Amino acid sequence: MPGPTAGSAGDTSTAPASPAADATVASTADAATPADAATPADATTPTDAAGTAAGATGRAAIVVLGGLVALGPLTTDLYLPGLPAIADDLVAEPAAVQLTLTFSMFGVAAGQLIFGPLSDRFGRRPPLLAGLVVYTLASIVCVIAPDLTTLIAARFVQGAAGAAGLVIGRAVARDRFEGVAMIRFLASITLISGLAPILAPLFGAQMLRFTSWRGTFGALAALGLLLTLVAFAALRETLPPSARRGGGLSGTLRTMGGLLRNMPFLGLLLTSTFAFGALFGYISGSSVVLQHVYHVSPQTYSLLFGLNSVAIVGATQLNGRVLAPRFTAGALMRTGLAVMIAAGVSLVLVTAVWDLGLVAVCASLFVMMASLGMVLPNSAARALSLVAPQSAGSASALLGTGTFLCGAVVAPLSSLGGSPSAVLLAVVVLSCAVLSAASYLLLLRPARTAPADAPEPAAA
């Protein structure tokens, strides 16, 4: 059963009946029980109680959804240590090989626009299972790709199909929880999925000792098949037929258009998008910069990458389990954004001004990753709390598409000029941090002056 609508705590009306009404952000939902609200740590929402009653079933869902969401970072990170080997094997320039990362991100962005609305219309399970099957097949094509063009195309399909887990995982969270409970649920998923970027480069680097880069894609194909079987057996439907949205493509477009016209939702969307841009700038540029500029080995790079992943996972858990029940999501987001900008400024200074070397660069990146653990879960939870469950898939699709489109644009920027540059990486990361903070301050703050009959925005 889906959780209550976003306005359930203070609004006994039913969910919006039309896309236009739904796109106005679930009436005064966020004013009543937003993710922004500081709820006592021991408070229990109806959906919390349901989740507790479900017991092992709820925990199994968290494990399954965590694995599905982990497909994204695994698909991105497992093969990163093998990028130079791909260039050598396929006789391609390193900049051209990075297109495998760029097109994978484009695929994830496009896939969320497909699977999100489909999950609103047909339920969560069927689109998810279809996406996993296609993901497995695309991974097999990556294994046997004879040239770079084929590999890039297969990576696009792989990213698009893998997006099913990302977008539907967030939609399921909206189906079942709201407010602080949603932040906790997302934190639990992040704890599991966050192990992926920690372990993936480590496994990827070790796999290169006894297999080629093609073996890493073989591992992804096997994982896709395993998740298909597990999801089929263990993941229950969370959006019943009575709560599903009809209207076809035109209805989906109306819903998304209404969401994009709502300033609080758009502000949170862009805040999350540019914060992810900083993350993707780091992911795409760190491998080349650390290995070619600072001359670390693939194994050392994987350890440093894992350390920064610990930062974001640890901060996410601290946010969801300790800070969220005590502070508003707005306060936590402002703190996270301030720390993110400070880390970006530090990164520029230690690379462009003082040239303090590897330790200073890694310290700045560690703080940057930790700040994202506060910004990302709160922005997602606040944005999803603004919509009713039957539009959660569409809202989740917009959140995910924006982030991965930004990632696809940002990824090649760290390689501009042809030669690796730590300064360029720092500038890209800082620019994304500034844009994220500007989106929050400019688009959410003016919403306080909305007319009385306008939907009440989340507290900034």
Protein backbone atom coordinates (compact mmCIF):
# COMPACT_ATOMS: atom_id res chain seq x y z
CA MET A 1 0.00 0.00 0.00
CA PRO A 2 1.31 3.46 -0.73
CA GLY A 3 1.92 5.86 2.10
CA PRO A 4 -0.32 8.85 2.74
CA THR A 5 -0.29 11.73 0.37
CA ALA A 6 1.98 14.64 1.01
CA GLY A 7 -0.80 16.56 2.68
CA SER A 8 -2.12 13.85 4.93
CA ALA A 9 -0.94 15.26 8.20
CA GLY A 10 -2.84 18.45 7.85
CA ASP A 11 -5.13 17.82 4.91
CA THR A 12 -7.85 15.21 4.83
CA SER A 13 -8.65 15.74 1.17
CA THR A 14 -7.89 13.10 -1.39
CA ALA A 15 -4.93 13.24 -3.72
CA PRO A 16 -5.20 15.68 -6.61
CA ALA A 17 -7.42 14.33 -9.33
CA SER A 18 -5.81 16.05 -12.30
CA PRO A 19 -2.26 16.56 -13.49
CA ALA A 20 -2.65 20.30 -13.14
CA ALA A 21 -3.83 20.04 -9.58
CA ASP A 22 -1.14 17.54 -8.74
CA ALA A 23 1.52 19.71 -10.32
CA THR A 24 0.70 22.50 -7.91
CA VAL A 25 2.72 20.52 -5.42
CA ALA A 26 0.11 18.69 -3.40
CA SER A 27 -1.56 21.80 -2.07
CA THR A 28 -0.27 22.82 1.36
CA ALA A 29 1.46 19.53 2.02
CA ASP A 30 4.86 20.86 2.82
CA ALA A 31 3.52 23.41 5.25
CA ALA A 32 1.83 20.60 7.17
CA THR A 33 4.42 17.85 7.44
CA PRO A 34 7.34 18.65 5.18
CA ALA A 35 10.66 16.91 5.13
CA ASP A 36 11.78 20.24 6.46
CA ALA A 37 9.92 19.79 9.72
CA ALA A 38 11.94 18.98 12.78
CA THR A 39 10.21 15.86 14.11
CA PRO A 40 11.20 14.32 17.43
CA ALA A 41 13.49 11.40 17.02
CA ASP A 42 10.96 9.00 18.48
CA ALA A 43 8.02 10.26 16.46
CA THR A 44 6.27 7.64 14.39
CA THR A 45 4.27 8.39 11.28
CA PRO A 46 1.53 6.05 10.04
CA THR A 47 3.81 4.82 7.31
CA ASP A 48 6.59 4.37 9.85
CA ALA A 49 4.28 2.15 11.83
CA ALA A 50 3.40 0.18 8.73
CA GLY A 51 7.07 -0.21 7.93
CA THR A 52 7.77 -1.40 11.48
CA ALA A 53 4.91 -3.89 11.28
CA ALA A 54 6.26 -5.18 8.03
CA GLY A 55 9.47 -6.15 9.87
CA ALA A 56 11.70 -8.30 7.74
CA THR A 57 9.75 -7.38 4.62
CA GLY A 58 10.63 -3.72 5.03
CA ARG A 59 14.27 -4.54 5.65
CA ALA A 60 14.32 -6.78 2.59
CA ALA A 61 12.87 -3.95 0.51
CA ILE A 62 15.63 -1.62 1.73
CA VAL A 63 18.29 -4.17 0.77
CA VAL A 64 16.75 -4.76 -2.67
CA LEU A 65 16.22 -1.06 -3.38
CA GLY A 66 19.71 -0.29 -2.15
CA GLY A 67 21.09 -2.83 -4.61
CA LEU A 68 19.01 -1.38 -7.43
CA VAL A 69 20.11 2.19 -6.69
CA ALA A 70 23.70 0.91 -6.44
CA LEU A 71 23.57 -0.06 -10.11
CA GLY A 72 24.19 3.58 -11.01
CA PRO A 73 27.50 4.06 -9.17
CA LEU A 74 28.58 0.51 -9.98
CA THR A 75 28.00 1.10 -13.67
CA THR A 76 29.99 4.31 -13.44
CA ASP A 77 32.80 3.36 -11.08
CA LEU A 78 33.66 -0.30 -11.61
CA TYR A 79 35.38 0.30 -14.93
CA LEU A 80 37.06 3.63 -14.11
CA PRO A 81 40.49 2.11 -13.32
CA GLY A 82 40.34 0.45 -16.74
CA LEU A 83 39.86 3.62 -18.81
CA PRO A 84 43.51 3.72 -19.92
CA ALA A 85 43.32 0.02 -20.87
CA ILE A 86 40.20 0.66 -22.97
CA ALA A 87 42.02 3.42 -24.83
CA ASP A 88 44.95 1.10 -25.56
CA ASP A 89 42.82 -1.91 -26.52
CA LEU A 90 40.46 0.00 -28.83
CA VAL A 91 43.18 2.34 -30.13
CA ALA A 92 41.36 5.49 -29.03
CA GLU A 93 42.28 8.80 -27.45
CA PRO A 94 41.66 9.07 -23.67
CA ALA A 95 39.27 11.99 -24.26
CA ALA A 96 37.26 9.83 -26.66
CA VAL A 97 37.12 6.97 -24.17
CA GLN A 98 35.62 9.35 -21.59
CA LEU A 99 32.59 9.52 -23.88
CA THR A 100 31.68 6.09 -22.52
CA LEU A 101 31.07 7.85 -19.22
CA THR A 102 29.33 10.84 -20.79
CA PHE A 103 26.90 8.77 -22.86
CA SER A 104 26.18 6.51 -19.92
CA MET A 105 25.07 9.61 -18.00
CA PHE A 106 22.95 10.76 -20.94
CA GLY A 107 21.40 7.30 -20.91
CA VAL A 108 20.60 7.48 -17.21
CA ALA A 109 19.00 10.90 -17.73
CA ALA A 110 16.87 9.67 -20.64
CA GLY A 111 15.97 6.41 -18.89
CA GLN A 112 14.55 8.17 -15.87
CA LEU A 113 12.22 10.19 -18.08
CA ILE A 114 10.98 6.88 -19.47
CA PHE A 115 10.79 4.66 -16.39
CA GLY A 116 9.54 7.30 -13.94
CA PRO A 117 6.25 8.06 -15.76
CA LEU A 118 5.84 4.38 -16.68
CA SER A 119 6.00 3.47 -12.99
CA ASP A 120 3.26 6.03 -12.24
CA ARG A 121 1.03 4.47 -14.88
CA PHE A 122 1.75 0.72 -14.66
CA GLY A 123 3.06 0.34 -11.11
CA ARG A 124 6.62 0.03 -9.88
CA ARG A 125 7.41 -3.64 -10.57
CA PRO A 126 6.82 -4.11 -14.34
CA PRO A 127 9.00 -1.19 -15.53
CA LEU A 128 11.68 -2.09 -13.01
CA LEU A 129 11.93 -5.70 -14.14
CA ALA A 130 11.96 -4.68 -17.81
CA GLY A 131 14.76 -2.22 -17.16
CA LEU A 132 16.86 -4.83 -15.38
CA VAL A 133 16.53 -7.29 -18.27
CA VAL A 134 17.63 -4.67 -20.81
CA TYR A 135 20.48 -3.61 -18.51
CA THR A 136 21.80 -7.17 -18.41
CA LEU A 137 21.69 -7.50 -22.20
CA ALA A 138 23.42 -4.12 -22.72
CA SER A 139 26.17 -5.16 -20.30
CA ILE A 140 26.79 -8.27 -22.40
CA VAL A 141 27.15 -6.08 -25.49
CA CYS A 142 29.76 -4.01 -23.62
CA VAL A 143 31.72 -7.20 -22.97
CA ILE A 144 31.91 -8.10 -26.67
CA ALA A 145 32.11 -4.57 -28.11
CA PRO A 146 34.58 -4.67 -31.05
CA ASP A 147 35.16 -0.91 -31.20
CA LEU A 148 34.65 2.30 -29.25
CA THR A 149 31.50 3.31 -31.13
CA THR A 150 29.75 0.08 -30.17
CA LEU A 151 30.90 0.43 -26.58
CA ILE A 152 29.61 4.01 -26.35
CA ALA A 153 26.21 2.97 -27.78
CA ALA A 154 25.97 0.02 -25.39
CA ARG A 155 26.88 2.26 -22.47
CA PHE A 156 24.03 4.61 -23.39
CA VAL A 157 21.52 1.73 -23.35
CA GLN A 158 23.07 0.33 -20.18
CA GLY A 159 22.68 3.69 -18.45
CA ALA A 160 19.10 4.15 -19.65
CA ALA A 161 18.04 0.69 -18.48
CA GLY A 162 19.89 0.97 -15.17
CA ALA A 163 18.01 4.20 -14.49
CA ALA A 164 14.94 2.12 -13.66
CA GLY A 165 16.40 1.25 -10.27
CA LEU A 166 17.36 4.84 -9.51
CA VAL A 167 14.05 6.48 -10.34
CA ILE A 168 11.75 3.74 -9.05
CA GLY A 169 13.70 3.45 -5.80
CA ARG A 170 12.93 7.08 -4.98
CA ALA A 171 9.30 6.65 -6.05
CA VAL A 172 8.91 3.69 -3.70
CA ALA A 173 10.28 5.86 -0.89
CA ARG A 174 7.54 8.43 -1.63
CA ASP A 175 4.93 5.66 -1.77
CA ARG A 176 5.78 4.46 1.71
CA PHE A 177 7.12 7.40 3.72
CA GLU A 178 7.12 11.15 4.18
CA GLY A 179 8.94 13.78 6.23
CA VAL A 180 11.77 12.60 8.47
CA ALA A 181 10.73 8.99 7.85
CA MET A 182 11.46 9.49 4.15
CA ILE A 183 14.88 10.97 4.92
CA ARG A 184 15.64 7.95 7.12
CA PHE A 185 14.52 5.53 4.42
CA LEU A 186 16.62 7.31 1.79
CA ALA A 187 19.53 7.25 4.22
CA SER A 188 19.16 3.48 4.62
CA ILE A 189 19.17 3.01 0.86
CA THR A 190 22.15 5.33 0.56
CA LEU A 191 24.06 3.32 3.19
CA ILE A 192 23.77 0.23 1.00
CA SER A 193 24.16 1.91 -2.35
CA GLY A 194 26.98 4.05 -0.96
CA LEU A 195 29.10 0.93 -0.55
CA ALA A 196 29.11 0.64 -4.34
CA PRO A 197 31.44 3.59 -5.07
CA ILE A 198 33.63 2.52 -2.15
CA LEU A 199 34.03 -1.06 -3.30
CA ALA A 200 33.63 -0.69 -7.08
CA PRO A 201 37.00 0.98 -7.84
CA LEU A 202 38.72 -1.41 -5.43
CA PHE A 203 37.19 -4.42 -7.15
CA GLY A 204 37.71 -2.88 -10.58
CA ALA A 205 41.40 -2.29 -9.95
CA GLN A 206 41.89 -5.78 -8.53
CA MET A 207 39.96 -7.37 -11.41
CA LEU A 208 42.42 -5.79 -13.84
CA ARG A 209 45.12 -7.96 -12.27
CA PHE A 210 43.60 -11.14 -13.68
CA THR A 211 41.18 -10.02 -16.38
CA SER A 212 40.75 -7.25 -18.93
CA TRP A 213 38.38 -4.29 -18.81
CA ARG A 214 35.84 -6.52 -20.54
CA GLY A 215 35.69 -8.62 -17.40
CA THR A 216 34.37 -5.65 -15.43
CA PHE A 217 31.40 -5.42 -17.77
CA GLY A 218 30.92 -9.17 -17.44
CA ALA A 219 30.59 -8.63 -13.69
CA LEU A 220 27.95 -5.94 -14.31
CA ALA A 221 26.01 -8.33 -16.55
CA ALA A 222 26.05 -10.98 -13.82
CA LEU A 223 24.92 -8.41 -11.25
CA GLY A 224 22.09 -7.28 -13.52
CA LEU A 225 20.85 -10.86 -13.85
CA LEU A 226 21.08 -11.41 -10.08
CA LEU A 227 19.13 -8.23 -9.29
CA THR A 228 16.48 -9.19 -11.85
CA LEU A 229 15.88 -12.48 -10.05
CA VAL A 230 15.96 -10.93 -6.56
CA ALA A 231 13.63 -8.07 -7.48
CA PHE A 232 11.18 -10.49 -9.10
CA ALA A 233 11.10 -12.61 -5.94
CA ALA A 234 11.34 -10.04 -3.14
CA LEU A 235 10.10 -6.62 -4.24
CA ARG A 236 6.36 -6.07 -3.79
CA GLU A 237 4.24 -3.55 -5.63
CA THR A 238 3.85 -0.29 -3.66
CA LEU A 239 1.49 1.60 -6.00
CA PRO A 240 -1.90 -0.13 -6.25
CA PRO A 241 -4.00 0.18 -9.45
CA SER A 242 -6.41 2.63 -7.80
CA ALA A 243 -3.57 5.12 -7.23
CA ARG A 244 -2.00 4.93 -10.69
CA ARG A 245 -2.05 7.83 -13.10
CA GLY A 246 -3.60 7.62 -16.56
CA GLY A 247 -3.61 10.11 -19.38
CA GLY A 248 -0.76 8.72 -21.43
CA LEU A 249 2.04 10.90 -22.72
CA SER A 250 0.02 14.11 -22.67
CA GLY A 251 -0.88 13.63 -19.02
CA THR A 252 2.75 12.93 -18.16
CA LEU A 253 3.90 16.08 -19.94
CA ARG A 254 1.25 18.17 -18.15
CA THR A 255 2.33 16.78 -14.80
CA MET A 256 6.02 17.44 -15.44
CA GLY A 257 5.29 20.89 -16.83
CA GLY A 258 3.32 21.79 -13.73
CA LEU A 259 6.13 20.59 -11.48
CA LEU A 260 8.71 22.64 -13.38
CA ARG A 261 6.53 25.76 -13.08
CA ASN A 262 6.45 25.43 -9.29
CA MET A 263 9.31 27.51 -7.89
CA PRO A 264 9.97 25.55 -4.67
CA PHE A 265 10.18 22.25 -6.57
CA LEU A 266 12.30 23.81 -9.34
CA GLY A 267 14.62 25.38 -6.77
CA LEU A 268 15.18 22.04 -5.04
CA LEU A 269 15.58 20.33 -8.42
CA LEU A 270 18.32 22.73 -9.53
CA THR A 271 20.00 22.67 -6.12
CA SER A 272 20.24 18.88 -6.35
CA THR A 273 21.22 18.99 -10.03
CA PHE A 274 24.23 21.27 -9.59
CA ALA A 275 25.30 19.50 -6.39
CA PHE A 276 25.40 16.29 -8.40
CA GLY A 277 27.35 18.23 -11.03
CA ALA A 278 30.10 18.77 -8.47
CA LEU A 279 30.03 15.04 -7.70
CA PHE A 280 30.21 14.04 -11.36
CA GLY A 281 32.96 16.57 -12.02
CA TYR A 282 34.97 14.84 -9.31
CA ILE A 283 34.12 11.34 -10.55
CA SER A 284 34.99 12.02 -14.19
CA GLY A 285 38.14 14.03 -13.56
CA SER A 286 39.68 12.46 -10.48
CA SER A 287 40.87 9.27 -12.19
CA VAL A 288 42.95 11.11 -14.78
CA VAL A 289 44.09 13.93 -12.47
CA LEU A 290 45.17 11.74 -9.58
CA GLN A 291 46.88 9.14 -11.76
CA HIS A 292 48.54 11.44 -14.31
CA VAL A 293 49.12 14.68 -12.37
CA TYR A 294 49.88 13.23 -8.93
CA HIS A 295 51.14 9.85 -10.25
CA VAL A 296 49.17 7.54 -7.99
CA SER A 297 48.68 3.91 -9.02
CA PRO A 298 45.26 2.52 -10.00
CA GLN A 299 45.14 0.71 -6.66
CA THR A 300 45.97 3.89 -4.70
CA TYR A 301 43.41 5.83 -6.72
CA SER A 302 40.76 3.27 -5.86
CA LEU A 303 41.61 3.62 -2.15
CA LEU A 304 41.37 7.42 -2.31
CA PHE A 305 38.11 7.17 -4.23
CA GLY A 306 36.76 4.79 -1.60
CA LEU A 307 37.80 7.14 1.21
CA ASN A 308 35.83 9.99 -0.34
CA SER A 309 32.87 7.65 -0.75
CA VAL A 310 33.06 6.93 2.98
CA ALA A 311 32.72 10.68 3.53
CA ILE A 312 29.48 11.00 1.60
CA VAL A 313 27.98 7.80 3.03
CA GLY A 314 28.94 8.72 6.59
CA ALA A 315 27.55 12.24 6.25
CA THR A 316 24.33 10.87 4.76
CA GLN A 317 23.84 8.53 7.72
CA LEU A 318 24.65 11.29 10.20
CA ASN A 319 22.13 13.52 8.43
CA GLY A 320 19.34 10.96 8.30
CA ARG A 321 19.68 9.35 11.70
CA VAL A 322 21.06 12.08 13.97
CA LEU A 323 20.58 15.55 12.49
CA ALA A 324 17.27 15.32 10.56
CA PRO A 325 15.14 14.64 13.68
CA ARG A 326 16.69 17.65 15.44
CA PHE A 327 17.12 20.31 12.76
CA THR A 328 15.07 21.47 9.80
CA ALA A 329 16.06 20.24 6.36
CA GLY A 330 16.48 23.88 5.33
CA ALA A 331 19.07 24.49 8.05
CA LEU A 332 20.91 21.31 7.12
CA MET A 333 20.88 22.22 3.44
CA ARG A 334 22.21 25.71 4.09
CA THR A 335 25.00 24.26 6.19
CA GLY A 336 25.83 21.67 3.55
CA LEU A 337 25.87 24.26 0.76
CA ALA A 338 28.15 26.57 2.76
CA VAL A 339 30.58 23.72 3.46
CA MET A 340 30.47 22.66 -0.20
CA ILE A 341 31.43 26.15 -1.40
CA ALA A 342 34.18 26.38 1.23
CA ALA A 343 35.61 23.05 0.08
CA GLY A 344 35.48 24.19 -3.55
CA VAL A 345 37.30 27.41 -2.73
CA SER A 346 39.91 25.43 -0.80
CA LEU A 347 40.37 23.08 -3.77
CA VAL A 348 41.00 26.01 -6.12
CA LEU A 349 43.46 27.59 -3.68
CA VAL A 350 45.52 24.43 -3.08
CA THR A 351 45.79 23.70 -6.81
CA ALA A 352 45.97 27.10 -8.49
CA VAL A 353 47.50 29.38 -5.85
CA TRP A 354 49.56 27.42 -3.35
CA ASP A 355 50.15 24.06 -5.12
CA LEU A 356 50.09 22.14 -1.85
CA GLY A 357 50.11 18.70 -3.42
CA LEU A 358 48.12 15.48 -3.16
CA VAL A 359 47.25 15.54 0.56
CA ALA A 360 45.67 19.00 0.41
CA VAL A 361 43.72 18.09 -2.74
CA CYS A 362 42.40 14.90 -1.18
CA ALA A 363 41.45 16.72 2.05
CA SER A 364 39.44 19.31 0.11
CA LEU A 365 37.71 16.60 -1.91
CA PHE A 366 36.88 14.68 1.28
CA VAL A 367 35.13 17.71 2.79
CA MET A 368 33.33 18.32 -0.51
CA MET A 369 31.98 14.77 -0.56
CA ALA A 370 30.87 15.02 3.07
CA SER A 371 28.90 18.20 2.33
CA LEU A 372 27.01 16.37 -0.42
CA GLY A 373 25.82 13.89 2.19
CA MET A 374 23.79 16.74 3.71
CA VAL A 375 22.65 18.50 0.54
CA LEU A 376 21.51 15.59 -1.62
CA PRO A 377 19.20 13.56 0.67
CA ASN A 378 17.49 16.66 2.07
CA SER A 379 16.89 18.23 -1.32
CA ALA A 380 15.44 14.95 -2.67
CA ALA A 381 13.22 14.36 0.36
CA ARG A 382 11.92 17.94 0.37
CA ALA A 383 11.18 17.85 -3.36
CA LEU A 384 9.38 14.49 -3.17
CA SER A 385 7.35 15.63 -0.16
CA LEU A 386 5.80 18.28 -2.41
CA VAL A 387 4.03 15.77 -4.67
CA ALA A 388 1.33 13.15 -4.25
CA PRO A 389 2.34 9.46 -4.62
CA GLN A 390 0.76 9.06 -8.06
CA SER A 391 3.21 11.63 -9.42
CA ALA A 392 6.23 10.47 -7.44
CA GLY A 393 7.65 8.63 -10.45
CA SER A 394 7.47 11.73 -12.64
CA ALA A 395 8.96 13.93 -9.91
CA SER A 396 11.71 11.39 -9.29
CA ALA A 397 12.38 11.27 -13.04
CA LEU A 398 12.84 15.04 -13.18
CA LEU A 399 15.18 14.96 -10.17
CA GLY A 400 17.28 12.18 -11.66
CA THR A 401 17.26 13.45 -15.22
CA GLY A 402 18.47 16.88 -14.20
CA THR A 403 21.35 15.47 -12.18
CA PHE A 404 22.60 13.12 -14.88
CA LEU A 405 22.19 15.66 -17.68
CA CYS A 406 24.32 18.00 -15.62
CA GLY A 407 26.77 15.16 -15.05
CA ALA A 408 26.96 14.42 -18.76
CA VAL A 409 27.73 18.07 -19.48
CA VAL A 410 30.21 18.42 -16.62
CA ALA A 411 32.10 15.16 -17.21
CA PRO A 412 34.07 16.28 -20.30
CA LEU A 413 34.87 19.72 -18.83
CA SER A 414 37.64 18.38 -16.62
CA SER A 415 39.44 17.16 -19.77
CA LEU A 416 39.28 20.38 -21.77
CA GLY A 417 42.62 21.36 -23.28
CA GLY A 418 43.70 17.77 -23.82
CA SER A 419 46.05 17.47 -20.82
CA PRO A 420 44.95 16.60 -17.26
CA SER A 421 44.62 19.65 -14.99
CA ALA A 422 43.94 19.69 -11.26
CA VAL A 423 43.12 23.40 -11.49
CA LEU A 424 40.45 22.78 -14.12
CA LEU A 425 38.92 20.03 -11.99
CA ALA A 426 38.82 22.41 -9.01
CA VAL A 427 37.19 25.20 -11.02
CA VAL A 428 34.51 22.83 -12.36
CA VAL A 429 33.67 21.55 -8.88
CA LEU A 430 33.54 25.05 -7.35
CA SER A 431 31.37 26.38 -10.20
CA CYS A 432 28.81 23.63 -9.63
CA ALA A 433 28.80 24.31 -5.88
CA VAL A 434 28.14 28.02 -6.45
CA LEU A 435 25.32 27.29 -8.93
CA SER A 436 23.73 24.87 -6.47
CA ALA A 437 23.72 27.41 -3.66
CA ALA A 438 22.47 30.17 -5.97
CA SER A 439 19.55 27.99 -7.12
CA TYR A 440 18.52 27.38 -3.52
CA LEU A 441 18.76 31.00 -2.43
CA LEU A 442 17.17 32.57 -5.50
CA LEU A 443 14.30 30.17 -6.17
CA LEU A 444 13.21 29.10 -2.71
CA ARG A 445 13.55 32.38 -0.84
CA PRO A 446 11.18 34.39 -3.09
CA ALA A 447 8.58 31.67 -2.62
CA ARG A 448 7.92 33.10 0.86
CA THR A 449 6.17 36.01 -0.86
CA ALA A 450 3.78 33.81 -2.85
CA PRO A 451 0.11 34.89 -2.90
CA ALA A 452 -2.13 33.54 -0.17
CA ASP A 453 -3.89 31.15 -2.53
CA ALA A 454 -0.64 29.72 -3.87
CA PRO A 455 0.75 26.43 -2.53
CA GLU A 456 2.81 26.95 0.59
CA PRO A 457 6.45 26.22 -0.21
CA ALA A 458 8.93 24.38 1.91
CA ALA A 459 10.56 26.52 4.56
CA ALA A 460 13.87 27.72 3.20
